[in-house]
Amino acid sequence: ADWANRQLAEGQSNVLRQALPLFESIMIDAALDHTGGRKAEAAELLGWGRNTLTRKLKELDRPVK
């Protein structure tokens, strides 16, 4: 919330476009940590299929193991 308020106060636009990859990255890390790196389980926790998680990792330029 603080980040969003700062961005808006600075007159930034497309704030959600900037925030969404950051939020997804945080959620992916949390899910992978929670499952010990098991992608299928992490994807399920996020409400995605495993292929979606793999695609998101690629989009975020994250290592796909």
Protein backbone atom coordinates (compact mmCIF):
# COMPACT_ATOMS: atom_id res chain seq x y z
CA ALA A 1 0.00 0.00 0.00
CA ASP A 2 2.84 2.38 0.83
CA TRP A 3 4.48 1.71 -2.52
CA ALA A 4 1.20 2.31 -4.38
CA ASN A 5 0.54 5.52 -2.51
CA ARG A 6 4.04 6.79 -3.29
CA GLN A 7 3.69 5.95 -6.95
CA LEU A 8 0.36 7.72 -7.21
CA ALA A 9 1.60 10.73 -5.24
CA GLU A 10 4.52 11.00 -7.68
CA GLY A 11 2.07 11.06 -10.59
CA GLN A 12 3.06 7.67 -11.94
CA SER A 13 0.72 5.94 -14.37
CA ASN A 14 0.31 2.26 -15.17
CA VAL A 15 0.88 1.50 -11.50
CA LEU A 16 -0.94 -1.83 -11.65
CA ARG A 17 1.15 -2.89 -14.66
CA GLN A 18 4.26 -2.32 -12.55
CA ALA A 19 2.87 -3.89 -9.39
CA LEU A 20 1.41 -7.08 -10.83
CA PRO A 21 4.73 -8.76 -11.77
CA LEU A 22 6.18 -7.82 -8.38
CA PHE A 23 3.16 -9.25 -6.56
CA GLU A 24 3.18 -12.42 -8.66
CA SER A 25 6.88 -12.88 -7.99
CA ILE A 26 6.33 -12.56 -4.24
CA MET A 27 3.43 -15.02 -4.32
CA ILE A 28 5.37 -17.50 -6.46
CA ASP A 29 8.33 -17.37 -4.07
CA ALA A 30 6.06 -17.89 -1.07
CA ALA A 31 4.27 -20.84 -2.69
CA LEU A 32 7.52 -22.48 -3.80
CA ASP A 33 9.05 -21.99 -0.36
CA HIS A 34 5.94 -23.46 1.27
CA THR A 35 6.05 -26.55 -0.97
CA GLY A 36 9.80 -27.05 -0.83
CA GLY A 37 10.10 -26.14 -4.51
CA ARG A 38 7.45 -28.54 -5.78
CA LYS A 39 5.98 -26.65 -8.73
CA ALA A 40 2.79 -28.66 -9.16
CA GLU A 41 1.86 -28.11 -5.51
CA ALA A 42 2.89 -24.44 -5.62
CA ALA A 43 0.78 -23.89 -8.74
CA GLU A 44 -2.21 -25.48 -7.04
CA LEU A 45 -1.81 -23.18 -4.03
CA LEU A 46 -1.83 -20.21 -6.40
CA GLY A 47 -4.91 -21.48 -8.25
CA TRP A 48 -2.93 -22.16 -11.43
CA GLY A 49 -1.92 -25.20 -13.41
CA ARG A 50 1.75 -26.22 -13.48
CA ASN A 51 2.13 -24.93 -17.04
CA THR A 52 0.87 -21.51 -15.96
CA LEU A 53 3.43 -21.38 -13.17
CA THR A 54 6.19 -22.35 -15.61
CA ARG A 55 5.04 -19.66 -18.05
CA LYS A 56 4.92 -17.03 -15.30
CA LEU A 57 8.44 -17.95 -14.19
CA LYS A 58 9.63 -17.45 -17.77
CA GLU A 59 7.75 -14.14 -18.10
CA LEU A 60 9.34 -12.93 -14.89
CA ASP A 61 12.75 -14.05 -16.20
CA ARG A 62 13.12 -16.46 -13.31
CA PRO A 63 14.94 -19.79 -13.42
CA VAL A 64 12.73 -22.70 -14.41
CA LYS A 65 14.08 -25.94 -12.97
